[in-house]
N, C-alpha and C. Protein backbone atom coordinates (compact mmCIF):
# COMPACT_ATOMS: atom_id res chain seq x y z
N MET A 1 0.83 -1.18 0.00
CA MET A 1 0.00 0.00 0.00
C MET A 1 0.88 1.25 0.00
N HIS A 2 0.40 2.26 -0.70
CA HIS A 2 1.09 3.55 -0.74
C HIS A 2 0.24 4.58 -0.03
N LYS A 3 0.93 5.53 0.59
CA LYS A 3 0.24 6.62 1.25
C LYS A 3 0.79 7.93 0.73
N GLY A 4 -0.06 8.95 0.78
CA GLY A 4 0.37 10.25 0.31
C GLY A 4 -0.42 11.35 0.98
N SER A 5 -0.01 12.59 0.70
CA SER A 5 -0.66 13.74 1.31
C SER A 5 -0.31 14.99 0.51
N CYS A 6 -1.07 16.05 0.80
CA CYS A 6 -0.76 17.34 0.21
C CYS A 6 0.34 18.02 1.05
N LEU A 7 0.77 19.18 0.64
CA LEU A 7 1.86 19.88 1.33
C LEU A 7 1.52 20.21 2.78
N CYS A 8 0.30 20.67 3.04
CA CYS A 8 -0.08 21.04 4.41
C CYS A 8 -0.55 19.83 5.22
N ARG A 9 -0.66 18.67 4.57
CA ARG A 9 -1.02 17.39 5.18
C ARG A 9 -2.45 17.34 5.71
N LYS A 10 -3.27 18.29 5.27
CA LYS A 10 -4.68 18.24 5.67
C LYS A 10 -5.43 17.17 4.89
N ILE A 11 -4.94 16.87 3.67
CA ILE A 11 -5.51 15.78 2.88
C ILE A 11 -4.50 14.64 2.89
N ARG A 12 -4.99 13.46 3.19
CA ARG A 12 -4.17 12.25 3.14
C ARG A 12 -4.92 11.20 2.36
N TYR A 13 -4.18 10.33 1.68
CA TYR A 13 -4.81 9.30 0.87
C TYR A 13 -4.03 8.00 0.94
N ALA A 14 -4.67 6.95 0.46
CA ALA A 14 -4.04 5.63 0.37
C ALA A 14 -4.32 5.04 -1.01
N VAL A 15 -3.34 4.33 -1.55
CA VAL A 15 -3.47 3.60 -2.81
C VAL A 15 -3.15 2.15 -2.51
N THR A 16 -4.10 1.25 -2.75
CA THR A 16 -3.89 -0.15 -2.39
C THR A 16 -3.22 -0.96 -3.50
N ASP A 17 -3.24 -0.48 -4.73
CA ASP A 17 -2.57 -1.18 -5.83
C ASP A 17 -1.09 -0.80 -5.89
N ASP A 18 -0.31 -1.64 -6.56
CA ASP A 18 1.07 -1.28 -6.88
C ASP A 18 1.06 -0.17 -7.92
N ILE A 19 2.04 0.68 -7.86
CA ILE A 19 2.24 1.71 -8.89
C ILE A 19 3.38 1.21 -9.75
N ASP A 20 3.05 0.85 -11.00
CA ASP A 20 4.07 0.22 -11.84
C ASP A 20 4.33 0.96 -13.15
N GLU A 21 3.78 2.16 -13.28
CA GLU A 21 4.00 2.95 -14.50
C GLU A 21 4.07 4.42 -14.12
N VAL A 22 5.06 5.11 -14.67
CA VAL A 22 5.25 6.54 -14.42
C VAL A 22 5.40 7.26 -15.74
N SER A 23 4.69 8.36 -15.87
CA SER A 23 4.78 9.20 -17.06
C SER A 23 5.22 10.59 -16.64
N MET A 24 6.15 11.15 -17.39
CA MET A 24 6.55 12.53 -17.22
C MET A 24 5.99 13.31 -18.41
N CYS A 25 4.90 14.02 -18.17
CA CYS A 25 4.22 14.74 -19.25
C CYS A 25 4.77 16.16 -19.34
N HIS A 26 5.15 16.56 -20.56
CA HIS A 26 5.75 17.87 -20.80
C HIS A 26 4.84 18.82 -21.54
N CYS A 27 3.55 18.50 -21.68
CA CYS A 27 2.66 19.38 -22.45
C CYS A 27 2.48 20.71 -21.71
N LYS A 28 2.15 21.75 -22.47
CA LYS A 28 2.05 23.10 -21.93
C LYS A 28 1.01 23.20 -20.82
N GLN A 29 -0.11 22.50 -20.97
CA GLN A 29 -1.15 22.56 -19.95
C GLN A 29 -0.65 21.99 -18.62
N ARG A 30 0.07 20.90 -18.65
CA ARG A 30 0.60 20.32 -17.41
C ARG A 30 1.68 21.20 -16.80
N GLN A 31 2.48 21.83 -17.67
CA GLN A 31 3.49 22.76 -17.16
C GLN A 31 2.83 23.90 -16.38
N LYS A 32 1.76 24.44 -16.94
CA LYS A 32 1.04 25.52 -16.25
C LYS A 32 0.40 25.02 -14.96
N ALA A 33 -0.22 23.85 -15.01
CA ALA A 33 -0.92 23.31 -13.83
C ALA A 33 0.05 22.98 -12.70
N GLN A 34 1.26 22.52 -13.04
CA GLN A 34 2.23 22.12 -12.03
C GLN A 34 3.20 23.24 -11.66
N GLY A 35 3.32 24.25 -12.52
CA GLY A 35 4.33 25.28 -12.29
C GLY A 35 5.72 24.71 -12.45
N SER A 36 5.86 23.74 -13.36
CA SER A 36 7.12 23.03 -13.54
C SER A 36 7.28 22.65 -15.01
N ALA A 37 8.42 22.11 -15.36
CA ALA A 37 8.69 21.71 -16.74
C ALA A 37 7.90 20.46 -17.14
N PHE A 38 7.45 19.68 -16.17
CA PHE A 38 6.68 18.47 -16.47
C PHE A 38 5.90 18.05 -15.23
N ALA A 39 4.99 17.13 -15.42
CA ALA A 39 4.25 16.53 -14.31
C ALA A 39 4.57 15.05 -14.28
N ALA A 40 4.97 14.55 -13.12
CA ALA A 40 5.21 13.11 -12.94
C ALA A 40 3.91 12.50 -12.41
N VAL A 41 3.32 11.61 -13.23
CA VAL A 41 2.02 11.04 -12.88
C VAL A 41 2.04 9.52 -13.07
N ALA A 42 1.09 8.86 -12.41
CA ALA A 42 0.93 7.42 -12.58
C ALA A 42 -0.56 7.11 -12.69
N PRO A 43 -0.93 6.26 -13.64
CA PRO A 43 -2.33 5.84 -13.70
C PRO A 43 -2.62 4.87 -12.55
N ILE A 44 -3.73 5.10 -11.88
CA ILE A 44 -4.16 4.20 -10.81
C ILE A 44 -5.65 3.94 -10.96
N ARG A 45 -6.08 2.79 -10.47
CA ARG A 45 -7.51 2.48 -10.50
C ARG A 45 -8.23 3.31 -9.43
N SER A 46 -9.34 3.89 -9.80
CA SER A 46 -10.13 4.68 -8.84
C SER A 46 -10.53 3.84 -7.64
N ALA A 47 -10.83 2.56 -7.88
CA ALA A 47 -11.24 1.66 -6.79
C ALA A 47 -10.12 1.42 -5.79
N ALA A 48 -8.88 1.65 -6.18
CA ALA A 48 -7.73 1.42 -5.29
C ALA A 48 -7.30 2.69 -4.57
N PHE A 49 -8.00 3.78 -4.81
CA PHE A 49 -7.64 5.08 -4.24
C PHE A 49 -8.72 5.54 -3.27
N ARG A 50 -8.29 5.99 -2.09
CA ARG A 50 -9.27 6.57 -1.17
C ARG A 50 -8.64 7.69 -0.35
N ILE A 51 -9.43 8.70 -0.13
CA ILE A 51 -9.02 9.80 0.75
C ILE A 51 -9.25 9.33 2.17
N THR A 52 -8.23 9.39 3.00
CA THR A 52 -8.34 8.92 4.38
C THR A 52 -8.53 10.07 5.37
N GLN A 53 -8.27 11.28 4.91
CA GLN A 53 -8.43 12.46 5.76
C GLN A 53 -8.57 13.69 4.89
N GLY A 54 -9.45 14.60 5.26
CA GLY A 54 -9.48 15.93 4.65
C GLY A 54 -10.30 16.09 3.39
N THR A 55 -11.31 15.27 3.18
CA THR A 55 -12.12 15.41 1.96
C THR A 55 -12.70 16.82 1.82
N GLU A 56 -12.92 17.49 2.94
CA GLU A 56 -13.50 18.84 2.89
C GLU A 56 -12.55 19.85 2.25
N TYR A 57 -11.27 19.51 2.10
CA TYR A 57 -10.29 20.40 1.48
C TYR A 57 -10.10 20.14 -0.01
N LEU A 58 -10.74 19.10 -0.54
CA LEU A 58 -10.61 18.81 -1.97
C LEU A 58 -11.31 19.88 -2.79
N LYS A 59 -10.68 20.30 -3.84
CA LYS A 59 -11.23 21.27 -4.78
C LYS A 59 -10.86 20.80 -6.17
N GLU A 60 -11.68 21.09 -7.15
CA GLU A 60 -11.33 20.71 -8.52
C GLU A 60 -11.43 21.89 -9.46
N TYR A 61 -10.63 21.82 -10.50
CA TYR A 61 -10.62 22.82 -11.56
C TYR A 61 -10.66 22.10 -12.89
N ARG A 62 -11.43 22.64 -13.84
CA ARG A 62 -11.55 22.03 -15.16
C ARG A 62 -11.02 23.00 -16.22
N ALA A 63 -9.80 22.77 -16.66
CA ALA A 63 -9.22 23.55 -17.76
C ALA A 63 -9.81 23.08 -19.08
N THR A 64 -10.20 21.81 -19.12
CA THR A 64 -10.89 21.24 -20.27
C THR A 64 -12.18 20.61 -19.74
N PRO A 65 -13.23 20.59 -20.54
CA PRO A 65 -14.53 20.14 -20.04
C PRO A 65 -14.57 18.71 -19.52
N ASN A 66 -13.74 17.84 -20.00
CA ASN A 66 -13.82 16.42 -19.68
C ASN A 66 -12.90 15.97 -18.55
N ARG A 67 -12.08 16.88 -18.02
CA ARG A 67 -11.05 16.47 -17.05
C ARG A 67 -11.05 17.38 -15.82
N ALA A 68 -11.11 16.74 -14.65
CA ALA A 68 -11.02 17.48 -13.39
C ALA A 68 -9.61 17.35 -12.84
N ARG A 69 -9.03 18.46 -12.45
CA ARG A 69 -7.75 18.47 -11.75
C ARG A 69 -8.08 18.73 -10.29
N VAL A 70 -7.73 17.80 -9.42
CA VAL A 70 -8.12 17.86 -8.02
C VAL A 70 -6.91 18.26 -7.18
N PHE A 71 -7.14 19.22 -6.28
CA PHE A 71 -6.05 19.77 -5.49
C PHE A 71 -6.56 20.15 -4.10
N CYS A 72 -5.63 20.49 -3.22
CA CYS A 72 -5.97 20.93 -1.87
C CYS A 72 -6.33 22.41 -1.90
N SER A 73 -7.50 22.74 -1.36
CA SER A 73 -7.94 24.15 -1.34
C SER A 73 -7.15 24.98 -0.33
N GLU A 74 -6.44 24.35 0.57
CA GLU A 74 -5.67 25.07 1.58
C GLU A 74 -4.26 25.41 1.07
N CYS A 75 -3.50 24.41 0.59
CA CYS A 75 -2.11 24.65 0.18
C CYS A 75 -1.91 24.64 -1.33
N GLY A 76 -2.91 24.19 -2.09
CA GLY A 76 -2.82 24.20 -3.54
C GLY A 76 -2.14 23.00 -4.17
N SER A 77 -1.72 22.03 -3.38
CA SER A 77 -1.03 20.86 -3.93
C SER A 77 -1.94 20.10 -4.90
N PRO A 78 -1.48 19.86 -6.14
CA PRO A 78 -2.25 19.02 -7.06
C PRO A 78 -2.13 17.57 -6.63
N LEU A 79 -3.26 16.87 -6.57
CA LEU A 79 -3.26 15.48 -6.10
C LEU A 79 -3.46 14.48 -7.22
N TYR A 80 -4.46 14.69 -8.06
CA TYR A 80 -4.73 13.78 -9.16
C TYR A 80 -5.63 14.46 -10.18
N SER A 81 -5.73 13.84 -11.34
CA SER A 81 -6.71 14.27 -12.34
C SER A 81 -7.57 13.07 -12.68
N ALA A 82 -8.77 13.36 -13.15
CA ALA A 82 -9.71 12.30 -13.51
C ALA A 82 -10.52 12.75 -14.71
N ARG A 83 -10.71 11.84 -15.65
CA ARG A 83 -11.50 12.11 -16.86
C ARG A 83 -12.92 11.61 -16.67
N ASP A 84 -13.89 12.37 -17.12
CA ASP A 84 -15.30 11.98 -17.02
C ASP A 84 -15.60 10.71 -17.80
N ASP A 85 -14.93 10.54 -18.94
CA ASP A 85 -15.20 9.37 -19.79
C ASP A 85 -14.38 8.14 -19.39
N LEU A 86 -13.59 8.24 -18.32
CA LEU A 86 -12.79 7.13 -17.82
C LEU A 86 -12.83 7.12 -16.28
N PRO A 87 -14.02 6.97 -15.70
CA PRO A 87 -14.16 7.11 -14.25
C PRO A 87 -13.43 6.04 -13.44
N GLU A 88 -13.06 4.96 -14.07
CA GLU A 88 -12.38 3.89 -13.34
C GLU A 88 -10.89 4.17 -13.12
N MET A 89 -10.36 5.27 -13.67
CA MET A 89 -8.94 5.58 -13.56
C MET A 89 -8.72 7.01 -13.06
N LYS A 90 -7.60 7.21 -12.40
CA LYS A 90 -7.12 8.53 -12.00
C LYS A 90 -5.65 8.62 -12.41
N ARG A 91 -5.14 9.84 -12.51
CA ARG A 91 -3.72 10.05 -12.76
C ARG A 91 -3.16 10.76 -11.53
N LEU A 92 -2.47 9.98 -10.71
CA LEU A 92 -1.95 10.45 -9.44
C LEU A 92 -0.70 11.30 -9.64
N ARG A 93 -0.63 12.44 -8.97
CA ARG A 93 0.57 13.27 -9.00
C ARG A 93 1.57 12.68 -8.01
N LEU A 94 2.67 12.17 -8.54
CA LEU A 94 3.60 11.37 -7.74
C LEU A 94 4.36 12.16 -6.69
N GLY A 95 4.46 13.45 -6.84
CA GLY A 95 5.12 14.27 -5.83
C GLY A 95 4.40 14.29 -4.50
N THR A 96 3.16 13.83 -4.48
CA THR A 96 2.39 13.81 -3.23
C THR A 96 2.53 12.51 -2.46
N LEU A 97 3.24 11.54 -3.02
CA LEU A 97 3.43 10.26 -2.31
C LEU A 97 4.34 10.44 -1.11
N ASP A 98 3.99 9.78 -0.02
CA ASP A 98 4.84 9.75 1.17
C ASP A 98 5.64 8.46 1.25
N THR A 99 5.26 7.47 0.46
CA THR A 99 5.96 6.19 0.44
C THR A 99 6.74 6.07 -0.87
N PRO A 100 7.88 5.41 -0.85
CA PRO A 100 8.68 5.27 -2.07
C PRO A 100 8.05 4.29 -3.06
N ILE A 101 8.38 4.47 -4.32
CA ILE A 101 7.96 3.52 -5.36
C ILE A 101 9.16 3.14 -6.21
N LEU A 102 9.12 1.94 -6.74
CA LEU A 102 10.10 1.46 -7.72
C LEU A 102 9.29 0.99 -8.92
N VAL A 103 9.58 1.55 -10.09
CA VAL A 103 8.82 1.18 -11.28
C VAL A 103 9.77 0.81 -12.42
N ASN A 104 9.28 -0.06 -13.29
CA ASN A 104 10.05 -0.43 -14.47
C ASN A 104 9.61 0.37 -15.70
N LYS A 105 8.33 0.66 -15.78
CA LYS A 105 7.81 1.39 -16.94
C LYS A 105 7.84 2.90 -16.66
N ARG A 106 8.74 3.59 -17.36
CA ARG A 106 8.84 5.03 -17.24
C ARG A 106 8.94 5.62 -18.63
N TYR A 107 8.23 6.70 -18.88
CA TYR A 107 8.31 7.32 -20.20
C TYR A 107 7.96 8.80 -20.11
N HIS A 108 8.39 9.52 -21.12
CA HIS A 108 8.09 10.94 -21.27
C HIS A 108 7.04 11.09 -22.36
N ALA A 109 6.08 11.97 -22.13
CA ALA A 109 5.02 12.20 -23.13
C ALA A 109 4.94 13.66 -23.47
């Protein structure tokens, strides 16, 4: 199991599946959303993800109609994104993990 949190630690979450794929996305929209040159994300099953603390701090923003970017309303940490047409998956922002991961599949997009 993996655990994670936002910067202020008001939101905490758990992921019960292994994280075995990492993508470093360099598109302009992700650069703006992250304030960085890329976003390090991993696809995870929605069923394997749960907020364990701080759901009242979750906020979402939609830069595109089909995708929600979910973040902490207190500290602004991006946590994950989710597509309306793919509700069974989320894209976890890996910088929020508190537990280490080792992956074999890594790629830049």
